[in-house]
């Protein structure tokens, strides 16, 4: 049975490989946390420069960075950094693990949250290699720390913990919709807000173990 997301923390560091990765999964939870006075930081391995079909990377990267900063601000995140690892070629390297470890050490968060490391989100829905490699690097970097954060979570299926997000679904939709250029090309036949709502509703479905309330699911990977 999944447990409630831990209480008693004040600072979280969200580590992901690409722009829009937080919004596709945890935007509603982030909005709830910042509204409660908690501080959330975002660090992204890339600028998502390979993510908009038909737009060259040197133009797509700045667009996606602007959209990510706007999107983060909507859910109360003001501190967003980009590391310039190559979009589409993010690998579990010593360089990446060192960057992750340095970020954790500098911020000293209570909680680290990253993307899912498993091979499939669901049967027939394979995970991206960038996601798998990056999340693997996060866990390895965490394991090198002499004083690691109290918790390391991934956002993904087979959850161990859930954060109730009733009242924060609409702001999560607004946040994902801020990735307008990306979503407009990803599915040009579906309005951006409709795409965003479909995704957010899929990742915040009501859960019977939480009294039928909407939740964001997390997988506990490490606990100090």
Protein backbone atom coordinates (compact mmCIF):
# COMPACT_ATOMS: atom_id res chain seq x y z
CA UNK A 1 0.00 0.00 0.00
CA UNK A 2 1.47 3.39 -0.95
CA UNK A 3 2.30 5.79 1.84
CA UNK A 4 1.76 9.57 1.90
CA UNK A 5 4.70 11.59 0.66
CA UNK A 6 6.92 12.44 3.65
CA UNK A 7 6.24 15.53 5.72
CA UNK A 8 8.75 17.51 7.73
CA UNK A 9 10.96 18.79 4.93
CA UNK A 10 11.60 22.28 3.57
CA UNK A 11 13.78 22.02 0.45
CA UNK A 12 13.62 19.78 -2.62
CA UNK A 13 15.92 19.48 -5.62
CA UNK A 14 14.31 18.21 -8.82
CA UNK A 15 16.87 16.73 -11.22
CA UNK A 16 15.76 15.90 -14.78
CA UNK A 17 17.34 15.51 -18.21
CA UNK A 18 15.07 17.76 -20.31
CA UNK A 19 12.72 20.75 -20.25
CA UNK A 20 9.10 19.66 -19.67
CA UNK A 21 10.14 16.57 -17.66
CA UNK A 22 8.91 18.09 -14.37
CA UNK A 23 5.65 19.27 -15.92
CA UNK A 24 4.85 15.89 -17.46
CA UNK A 25 4.88 14.28 -14.04
CA UNK A 26 5.10 16.33 -10.86
CA UNK A 27 3.93 19.88 -11.60
CA UNK A 28 0.83 19.61 -9.40
CA UNK A 29 2.88 18.35 -6.44
CA UNK A 30 5.45 21.12 -6.89
CA UNK A 31 2.69 23.73 -6.96
CA UNK A 32 1.30 22.35 -3.71
CA UNK A 33 4.71 22.34 -2.04
CA UNK A 34 5.64 25.89 -2.99
CA UNK A 35 2.17 27.15 -1.98
CA UNK A 36 2.89 25.67 1.46
CA UNK A 37 6.14 27.64 1.70
CA UNK A 38 8.58 24.91 0.70
CA UNK A 39 11.46 25.72 -1.66
CA UNK A 40 11.94 23.71 -4.84
CA UNK A 41 14.94 23.94 -7.17
CA UNK A 42 15.15 22.59 -10.72
CA UNK A 43 18.36 21.42 -12.43
CA UNK A 44 18.22 20.14 -16.00
CA UNK A 45 20.97 18.24 -17.78
CA UNK A 46 20.09 19.70 -21.19
CA UNK A 47 18.18 22.54 -22.82
CA UNK A 48 16.08 20.13 -24.89
CA UNK A 49 17.62 21.45 -28.08
CA UNK A 50 16.87 18.29 -30.06
CA UNK A 51 13.24 18.18 -28.97
CA UNK A 52 11.38 20.29 -31.54
CA UNK A 53 11.13 18.67 -34.95
CA UNK A 54 11.96 21.01 -37.80
CA UNK A 55 13.73 23.58 -35.62
CA UNK A 56 17.55 23.45 -35.51
CA UNK A 57 19.10 22.87 -32.09
CA UNK A 58 20.69 26.33 -31.90
CA UNK A 59 17.21 27.86 -32.14
CA UNK A 60 15.21 25.23 -30.28
CA UNK A 61 17.44 25.27 -27.18
CA UNK A 62 16.80 28.92 -26.26
CA UNK A 63 13.08 28.51 -26.95
CA UNK A 64 12.82 25.51 -24.68
CA UNK A 65 14.84 27.18 -21.97
CA UNK A 66 12.50 30.20 -21.97
CA UNK A 67 9.46 27.94 -21.88
CA UNK A 68 10.91 25.93 -18.98
CA UNK A 69 11.64 29.02 -16.92
CA UNK A 70 8.12 30.33 -17.52
CA UNK A 71 6.61 26.94 -16.74
CA UNK A 72 8.60 26.62 -13.51
CA UNK A 73 7.59 30.09 -12.36
CA UNK A 74 3.92 29.19 -12.71
CA UNK A 75 4.31 26.50 -10.03
CA UNK A 76 6.48 28.68 -7.80
CA UNK A 77 9.99 27.59 -8.84
CA UNK A 78 12.33 30.51 -9.47
CA UNK A 79 15.71 28.74 -9.42
CA UNK A 80 16.23 26.80 -12.69
CA UNK A 81 19.67 25.83 -14.01
CA UNK A 82 20.77 24.10 -17.21
CA UNK A 83 23.97 22.07 -17.58
CA UNK A 84 24.36 21.77 -21.38
CA UNK A 85 24.73 18.03 -21.66
CA UNK A 86 23.65 17.01 -25.20
CA UNK A 87 19.93 16.38 -25.56
CA UNK A 88 19.32 12.85 -26.80
CA UNK A 89 22.80 11.68 -25.78
CA UNK A 90 22.66 11.96 -22.00
CA UNK A 91 24.58 9.07 -20.49
CA UNK A 92 25.54 7.86 -17.03
CA UNK A 93 29.10 9.22 -17.12
CA UNK A 94 31.50 10.27 -14.36
CA UNK A 95 31.09 13.87 -15.56
CA UNK A 96 27.31 13.76 -15.17
CA UNK A 97 27.49 12.03 -11.78
CA UNK A 98 29.94 14.66 -10.55
CA UNK A 99 27.65 17.47 -11.70
CA UNK A 100 24.71 15.89 -9.91
CA UNK A 101 26.71 15.36 -6.72
CA UNK A 102 27.94 18.96 -6.80
CA UNK A 103 24.38 20.26 -7.19
CA UNK A 104 23.13 18.19 -4.27
CA UNK A 105 26.07 19.25 -2.11
CA UNK A 106 25.59 22.95 -2.93
CA UNK A 107 21.84 23.05 -2.27
CA UNK A 108 21.70 20.52 0.58
CA UNK A 109 18.07 19.58 -0.06
CA UNK A 110 16.02 17.40 2.23
CA UNK A 111 14.54 15.59 -0.78
CA UNK A 112 15.89 14.78 -4.24
CA UNK A 113 13.39 13.90 -6.97
CA UNK A 114 14.28 12.61 -10.40
CA UNK A 115 12.68 10.93 -13.38
CA UNK A 116 11.85 7.25 -13.77
CA UNK A 117 14.71 4.82 -14.37
CA UNK A 118 12.68 1.79 -15.43
CA UNK A 119 12.54 0.44 -18.99
CA UNK A 120 8.80 1.06 -19.52
CA UNK A 121 6.24 3.51 -18.17
CA UNK A 122 3.63 0.85 -18.94
CA UNK A 123 3.49 -2.23 -21.16
CA UNK A 124 4.31 -1.11 -24.69
CA UNK A 125 5.37 2.38 -23.53
CA UNK A 126 9.18 2.33 -23.46
CA UNK A 127 11.10 4.86 -21.43
CA UNK A 128 13.64 7.13 -23.14
CA UNK A 129 17.30 6.18 -22.84
CA UNK A 130 18.11 9.73 -21.65
CA UNK A 131 15.67 9.23 -18.75
CA UNK A 132 17.05 5.84 -17.76
CA UNK A 133 20.68 6.90 -17.94
CA UNK A 134 20.07 10.16 -16.09
CA UNK A 135 18.08 8.62 -13.24
CA UNK A 136 20.71 5.91 -12.89
CA UNK A 137 23.38 8.61 -12.62
CA UNK A 138 21.37 10.39 -9.92
CA UNK A 139 21.23 7.26 -7.76
CA UNK A 140 24.95 6.59 -8.21
CA UNK A 141 25.81 10.20 -7.37
CA UNK A 142 23.61 10.05 -4.27
CA UNK A 143 25.46 6.93 -3.14
CA UNK A 144 28.81 8.74 -3.25
CA UNK A 145 27.75 11.46 -0.81
CA UNK A 146 28.99 11.34 2.77
CA UNK A 147 25.91 13.27 3.97
CA UNK A 148 23.15 12.59 1.44
CA UNK A 149 19.64 14.05 1.51
CA UNK A 150 17.13 12.22 3.61
CA UNK A 151 15.16 10.87 0.63
CA UNK A 152 15.68 10.12 -3.06
CA UNK A 153 12.52 9.60 -5.10
CA UNK A 154 11.72 8.91 -8.71
CA UNK A 155 8.44 9.95 -10.32
CA UNK A 156 6.99 6.93 -12.04
CA UNK A 157 4.72 3.89 -11.96
CA UNK A 158 4.63 1.27 -9.20
CA UNK A 159 4.63 4.06 -6.66
CA UNK A 160 5.57 3.67 -3.03
CA UNK A 161 4.39 7.15 -2.00
CA UNK A 162 1.73 9.57 -3.18
CA UNK A 163 1.21 13.31 -2.81
CA UNK A 164 -2.42 14.41 -2.89
CA UNK A 165 -2.89 17.30 -5.32
CA UNK A 166 -6.58 18.18 -5.31
CA UNK A 167 -6.78 21.90 -6.05
CA UNK A 168 -3.48 21.98 -7.97
CA UNK A 169 -4.37 20.19 -11.20
CA UNK A 170 -5.34 23.37 -13.07
CA UNK A 171 -2.08 25.15 -12.25
CA UNK A 172 -0.19 22.05 -13.39
CA UNK A 173 -2.06 22.21 -16.70
CA UNK A 174 -1.14 25.89 -17.04
CA UNK A 175 2.49 25.06 -16.30
CA UNK A 176 2.70 22.30 -18.91
CA UNK A 177 0.86 24.51 -21.42
CA UNK A 178 3.73 27.00 -21.11
CA UNK A 179 5.76 24.59 -23.25
CA UNK A 180 3.79 25.99 -26.17
CA UNK A 181 6.32 25.69 -29.00
CA UNK A 182 7.24 22.16 -28.00
CA UNK A 183 3.66 20.90 -27.68
CA UNK A 184 2.50 22.71 -30.83
CA UNK A 185 4.95 20.67 -32.90
CA UNK A 186 4.60 17.47 -30.90
CA UNK A 187 0.88 17.22 -31.76
CA UNK A 188 -0.16 19.99 -34.15
CA UNK A 189 -3.72 18.65 -34.43
CA UNK A 190 -4.51 18.97 -30.71
CA UNK A 191 -4.68 22.34 -28.94
CA UNK A 192 -1.83 22.81 -26.49
CA UNK A 193 -4.04 23.20 -23.43
CA UNK A 194 -5.95 20.06 -24.35
CA UNK A 195 -2.70 18.11 -24.65
CA UNK A 196 -1.56 19.46 -21.30
CA UNK A 197 -4.81 18.62 -19.54
CA UNK A 198 -4.83 15.08 -20.91
CA UNK A 199 -1.28 14.51 -19.66
CA UNK A 200 -1.79 16.07 -16.23
CA UNK A 201 -5.05 14.23 -15.64
CA UNK A 202 -3.34 10.97 -16.62
CA UNK A 203 -0.57 11.53 -14.07
CA UNK A 204 -2.83 12.78 -11.25
CA UNK A 205 -5.58 10.19 -11.32
CA UNK A 206 -7.72 9.64 -8.23
CA UNK A 207 -6.41 6.81 -6.07
CA UNK A 208 -8.57 4.62 -3.82
CA UNK A 209 -5.83 4.32 -1.17
CA UNK A 210 -5.95 8.12 -0.77
CA UNK A 211 -9.70 8.42 -0.42
CA UNK A 212 -10.25 8.90 -4.14
CA UNK A 213 -8.21 12.09 -4.19
CA UNK A 214 -5.95 13.03 -7.08
CA UNK A 215 -2.33 12.11 -6.47
CA UNK A 216 1.15 12.33 -7.95
CA UNK A 217 3.03 9.06 -7.50
CA UNK A 218 6.63 8.62 -6.37
CA UNK A 219 9.01 5.69 -5.97
CA UNK A 220 11.34 5.75 -2.97
CA UNK A 221 14.84 4.74 -4.14
CA UNK A 222 16.98 5.77 -1.18
CA UNK A 223 16.41 6.76 2.43
CA UNK A 224 19.05 7.93 4.84
